[in-house]
């Protein structure tokens, strides 16, 4: 084999390697943008359902696509395409409305047009108390983040979705709120760790 042939063979091998890497990166970008995205739970606001540091894969097509679904959010279209509406009880990842560089994960509690309020730690939707029952206590700091027993309450939303919530503090700041009226095209989000969740009761507000 001549020197020129050896050089061409080495160049071809390097070119093929680069091509495979580029194709793999493009495929990974397509999957992450349109299909699935790995997500690490950033805080304890969804305890006991999800713990800080848990990893999960988020489906990107569940509610359709907006321009914010694309890298750098190019203004190539408005609204959403192939969209479907979130349902009560869905656990969703969303961009913080005030700063889209932050991802939040919460549970959908209020739909457009709903009236949401907390009264003495009880959730009300459209002036109706959401049924809940105490199912026990957790005395495990790895789950509750506190060194004492914490009450666990099971809520059942109007559509039948059930989930457990933590009651870290009696008469906590989020246990008594004004009535929130969810505007059209927006949703009311809450964390399952009711006394340790920055959500629609506070600075997060309504989520489009």
Protein backbone atom coordinates (compact mmCIF):
# COMPACT_ATOMS: atom_id res chain seq x y z
CA UNK A 1 0.00 0.00 0.00
CA UNK A 2 1.40 3.38 -1.00
CA UNK A 3 1.79 6.35 1.35
CA UNK A 4 -1.03 8.16 -0.50
CA UNK A 5 -3.37 5.19 -0.04
CA UNK A 6 -2.52 5.01 3.67
CA UNK A 7 -3.21 8.73 4.04
CA UNK A 8 -6.58 8.41 2.26
CA UNK A 9 -7.51 5.45 4.47
CA UNK A 10 -6.65 7.38 7.66
CA UNK A 11 -8.57 10.43 6.44
CA UNK A 12 -11.55 8.27 5.53
CA UNK A 13 -11.54 6.62 8.95
CA UNK A 14 -11.40 9.97 10.74
CA UNK A 15 -14.11 11.40 8.50
CA UNK A 16 -16.40 8.45 9.18
CA UNK A 17 -15.86 8.83 12.94
CA UNK A 18 -16.70 12.55 12.82
CA UNK A 19 -19.76 11.81 10.67
CA UNK A 20 -21.04 9.20 13.15
CA UNK A 21 -20.55 11.61 16.07
CA UNK A 22 -22.37 14.43 14.27
CA UNK A 23 -25.26 12.14 13.32
CA UNK A 24 -25.51 10.89 16.91
CA UNK A 25 -25.60 14.47 18.23
CA UNK A 26 -28.31 15.45 15.75
CA UNK A 27 -30.37 12.39 16.68
CA UNK A 28 -29.96 13.16 20.40
CA UNK A 29 -31.06 16.78 19.81
CA UNK A 30 -34.15 15.64 17.89
CA UNK A 31 -35.09 13.16 20.63
CA UNK A 32 -34.55 15.76 23.37
CA UNK A 33 -36.48 18.46 21.51
CA UNK A 34 -39.48 16.50 20.27
CA UNK A 35 -39.74 13.20 22.17
CA UNK A 36 -38.13 12.83 25.60
CA UNK A 37 -36.02 14.93 27.91
CA UNK A 38 -34.19 13.70 31.01
CA UNK A 39 -35.10 15.77 34.06
CA UNK A 40 -33.68 15.83 37.57
CA UNK A 41 -36.07 16.85 40.35
CA UNK A 42 -34.58 20.17 41.55
CA UNK A 43 -36.29 20.57 44.93
CA UNK A 44 -38.40 18.87 47.58
CA UNK A 45 -41.66 20.56 46.56
CA UNK A 46 -43.17 17.34 45.18
CA UNK A 47 -42.38 15.15 48.19
CA UNK A 48 -43.52 12.46 48.97
CA UNK A 49 -44.36 11.70 45.30
CA UNK A 50 -40.98 12.72 43.89
CA UNK A 51 -37.78 13.25 45.84
CA UNK A 52 -35.07 15.79 45.17
CA UNK A 53 -32.48 14.28 42.85
CA UNK A 54 -34.84 11.72 41.31
CA UNK A 55 -34.41 11.31 37.55
CA UNK A 56 -37.25 10.88 35.12
CA UNK A 57 -37.92 11.23 31.40
CA UNK A 58 -40.41 13.91 30.41
CA UNK A 59 -42.52 13.31 27.29
CA UNK A 60 -42.35 16.39 25.07
CA UNK A 61 -45.45 15.74 22.93
CA UNK A 62 -48.06 15.37 25.71
CA UNK A 63 -49.50 18.88 25.24
CA UNK A 64 -48.24 19.66 21.74
CA UNK A 65 -45.45 22.05 20.79
CA UNK A 66 -44.89 25.78 21.03
CA UNK A 67 -41.96 27.86 19.85
CA UNK A 68 -40.53 27.42 23.36
CA UNK A 69 -40.26 23.69 22.61
CA UNK A 70 -37.50 24.50 20.12
CA UNK A 71 -33.90 25.47 20.92
CA UNK A 72 -33.57 29.24 21.45
CA UNK A 73 -37.39 29.66 21.14
CA UNK A 74 -37.41 31.01 17.54
CA UNK A 75 -40.59 33.05 16.79
CA UNK A 76 -41.53 30.93 13.76
CA UNK A 77 -45.13 30.35 14.87
CA UNK A 78 -47.48 31.35 17.68
CA UNK A 79 -49.64 29.28 20.00
CA UNK A 80 -49.35 25.50 20.08
CA UNK A 81 -49.56 22.83 17.41
CA UNK A 82 -50.97 19.32 17.91
CA UNK A 83 -52.04 20.53 21.30
CA UNK A 84 -54.05 18.77 23.99
CA UNK A 85 -55.16 20.14 27.33
CA UNK A 86 -53.59 19.22 30.69
CA UNK A 87 -55.90 17.41 33.09
CA UNK A 88 -56.30 17.80 36.82
CA UNK A 89 -53.71 15.80 38.68
CA UNK A 90 -51.15 15.73 35.86
CA UNK A 91 -47.57 16.20 37.06
CA UNK A 92 -45.98 18.58 34.59
CA UNK A 93 -42.67 20.30 33.93
CA UNK A 94 -43.04 23.92 32.80
CA UNK A 95 -41.07 27.10 32.33
CA UNK A 96 -41.42 29.71 35.05
CA UNK A 97 -43.58 32.41 33.40
CA UNK A 98 -41.44 35.25 34.76
CA UNK A 99 -38.14 33.64 33.76
CA UNK A 100 -38.17 30.87 31.15
CA UNK A 101 -34.62 29.83 32.05
CA UNK A 102 -36.07 27.98 35.06
CA UNK A 103 -37.92 24.64 34.90
CA UNK A 104 -40.50 23.84 37.57
CA UNK A 105 -42.34 20.59 38.27
CA UNK A 106 -45.77 20.72 39.94
CA UNK A 107 -49.21 19.14 39.85
CA UNK A 108 -52.08 20.64 37.83
CA UNK A 109 -54.78 21.63 40.34
CA UNK A 110 -56.83 24.33 38.63
CA UNK A 111 -58.08 24.51 35.03
CA UNK A 112 -59.07 27.63 33.07
CA UNK A 113 -62.09 29.25 34.70
CA UNK A 114 -61.67 27.47 38.05
CA UNK A 115 -61.73 29.17 41.44
CA UNK A 116 -59.03 27.83 43.75
CA UNK A 117 -58.58 28.51 47.45
CA UNK A 118 -56.92 27.02 50.53
CA UNK A 119 -58.92 27.21 53.76
CA UNK A 120 -57.31 25.95 56.96
CA UNK A 121 -55.13 23.61 54.92
CA UNK A 122 -58.06 22.25 52.90
CA UNK A 123 -58.07 22.63 49.12
CA UNK A 124 -61.23 24.05 47.57
CA UNK A 125 -62.05 23.97 43.86
CA UNK A 126 -65.02 26.06 42.74
CA UNK A 127 -66.09 26.43 46.38
CA UNK A 128 -66.18 22.65 46.88
CA UNK A 129 -63.81 21.01 49.36
CA UNK A 130 -61.52 18.44 47.74
CA UNK A 131 -61.95 15.19 49.71
CA UNK A 132 -58.92 14.20 51.73
CA UNK A 133 -58.11 11.67 54.41
CA UNK A 134 -55.18 11.22 56.72
CA UNK A 135 -53.35 8.04 55.74
CA UNK A 136 -50.59 8.08 58.34
CA UNK A 137 -47.32 9.71 59.25
CA UNK A 138 -43.81 9.55 57.86
CA UNK A 139 -40.87 9.73 60.25
CA UNK A 140 -38.08 9.60 57.70
CA UNK A 141 -35.93 12.70 57.07
CA UNK A 142 -34.87 11.27 53.70
CA UNK A 143 -38.47 11.77 52.57
CA UNK A 144 -39.72 14.69 54.68
CA UNK A 145 -36.46 16.64 55.19
CA UNK A 146 -37.34 17.15 58.88
CA UNK A 147 -36.45 15.15 61.99
CA UNK A 148 -39.98 14.52 63.25
CA UNK A 149 -43.14 12.71 62.19
CA UNK A 150 -45.05 14.41 59.35
CA UNK A 151 -48.71 13.82 58.54
CA UNK A 152 -49.58 12.39 55.12
CA UNK A 153 -52.95 13.27 53.57
CA UNK A 154 -54.48 11.68 50.48
CA UNK A 155 -56.47 14.04 48.24
CA UNK A 156 -58.93 13.00 45.56
CA UNK A 157 -59.57 15.52 42.80
CA UNK A 158 -62.98 15.86 41.09
CA UNK A 159 -61.80 13.67 38.19
CA UNK A 160 -60.81 10.84 40.55
CA UNK A 161 -57.03 11.38 40.54
CA UNK A 162 -55.55 10.64 43.98
CA UNK A 163 -52.15 11.51 45.41
CA UNK A 164 -50.48 11.99 48.79
CA UNK A 165 -49.47 15.35 50.26
CA UNK A 166 -47.27 16.29 53.21
CA UNK A 167 -48.45 18.58 56.00
CA UNK A 168 -45.19 19.85 57.47
CA UNK A 169 -46.62 22.78 59.42
CA UNK A 170 -49.99 23.46 60.96
CA UNK A 171 -51.35 26.86 59.93
CA UNK A 172 -48.59 27.30 57.37
CA UNK A 173 -48.42 30.36 55.15
CA UNK A 174 -50.03 28.46 52.27
CA UNK A 175 -52.84 26.94 54.33
CA UNK A 176 -55.01 30.05 54.12
CA UNK A 177 -55.18 31.95 50.82
CA UNK A 178 -57.41 34.28 48.90
CA UNK A 179 -59.57 32.85 46.14
CA UNK A 180 -57.70 32.58 42.84
CA UNK A 181 -59.65 32.76 39.58
CA UNK A 182 -57.73 30.94 36.86
CA UNK A 183 -57.78 32.94 33.60
CA UNK A 184 -58.48 31.36 30.23
CA UNK A 185 -55.47 29.61 28.74
CA UNK A 186 -53.78 29.25 32.14
CA UNK A 187 -53.46 26.64 34.90
CA UNK A 188 -53.03 26.61 38.67
CA UNK A 189 -50.10 24.52 39.88
CA UNK A 190 -49.29 23.23 43.35
CA UNK A 191 -46.62 21.02 44.89
CA UNK A 192 -47.51 17.92 46.91
CA UNK A 193 -45.26 19.17 49.72
CA UNK A 194 -47.79 21.88 50.53
CA UNK A 195 -45.79 23.75 53.17
CA UNK A 196 -42.56 23.73 51.17
CA UNK A 197 -43.57 24.58 47.61
CA UNK A 198 -43.24 27.79 45.63
CA UNK A 199 -46.23 27.46 43.34
CA UNK A 200 -49.31 29.26 41.99
CA UNK A 201 -50.30 30.31 45.51
CA UNK A 202 -47.21 32.47 45.61
CA UNK A 203 -44.77 33.96 43.09
CA UNK A 204 -45.25 31.39 40.31
CA UNK A 205 -48.76 32.63 39.57
CA UNK A 206 -50.88 31.21 36.77
CA UNK A 207 -49.06 29.08 34.19
CA UNK A 208 -49.91 29.38 30.47
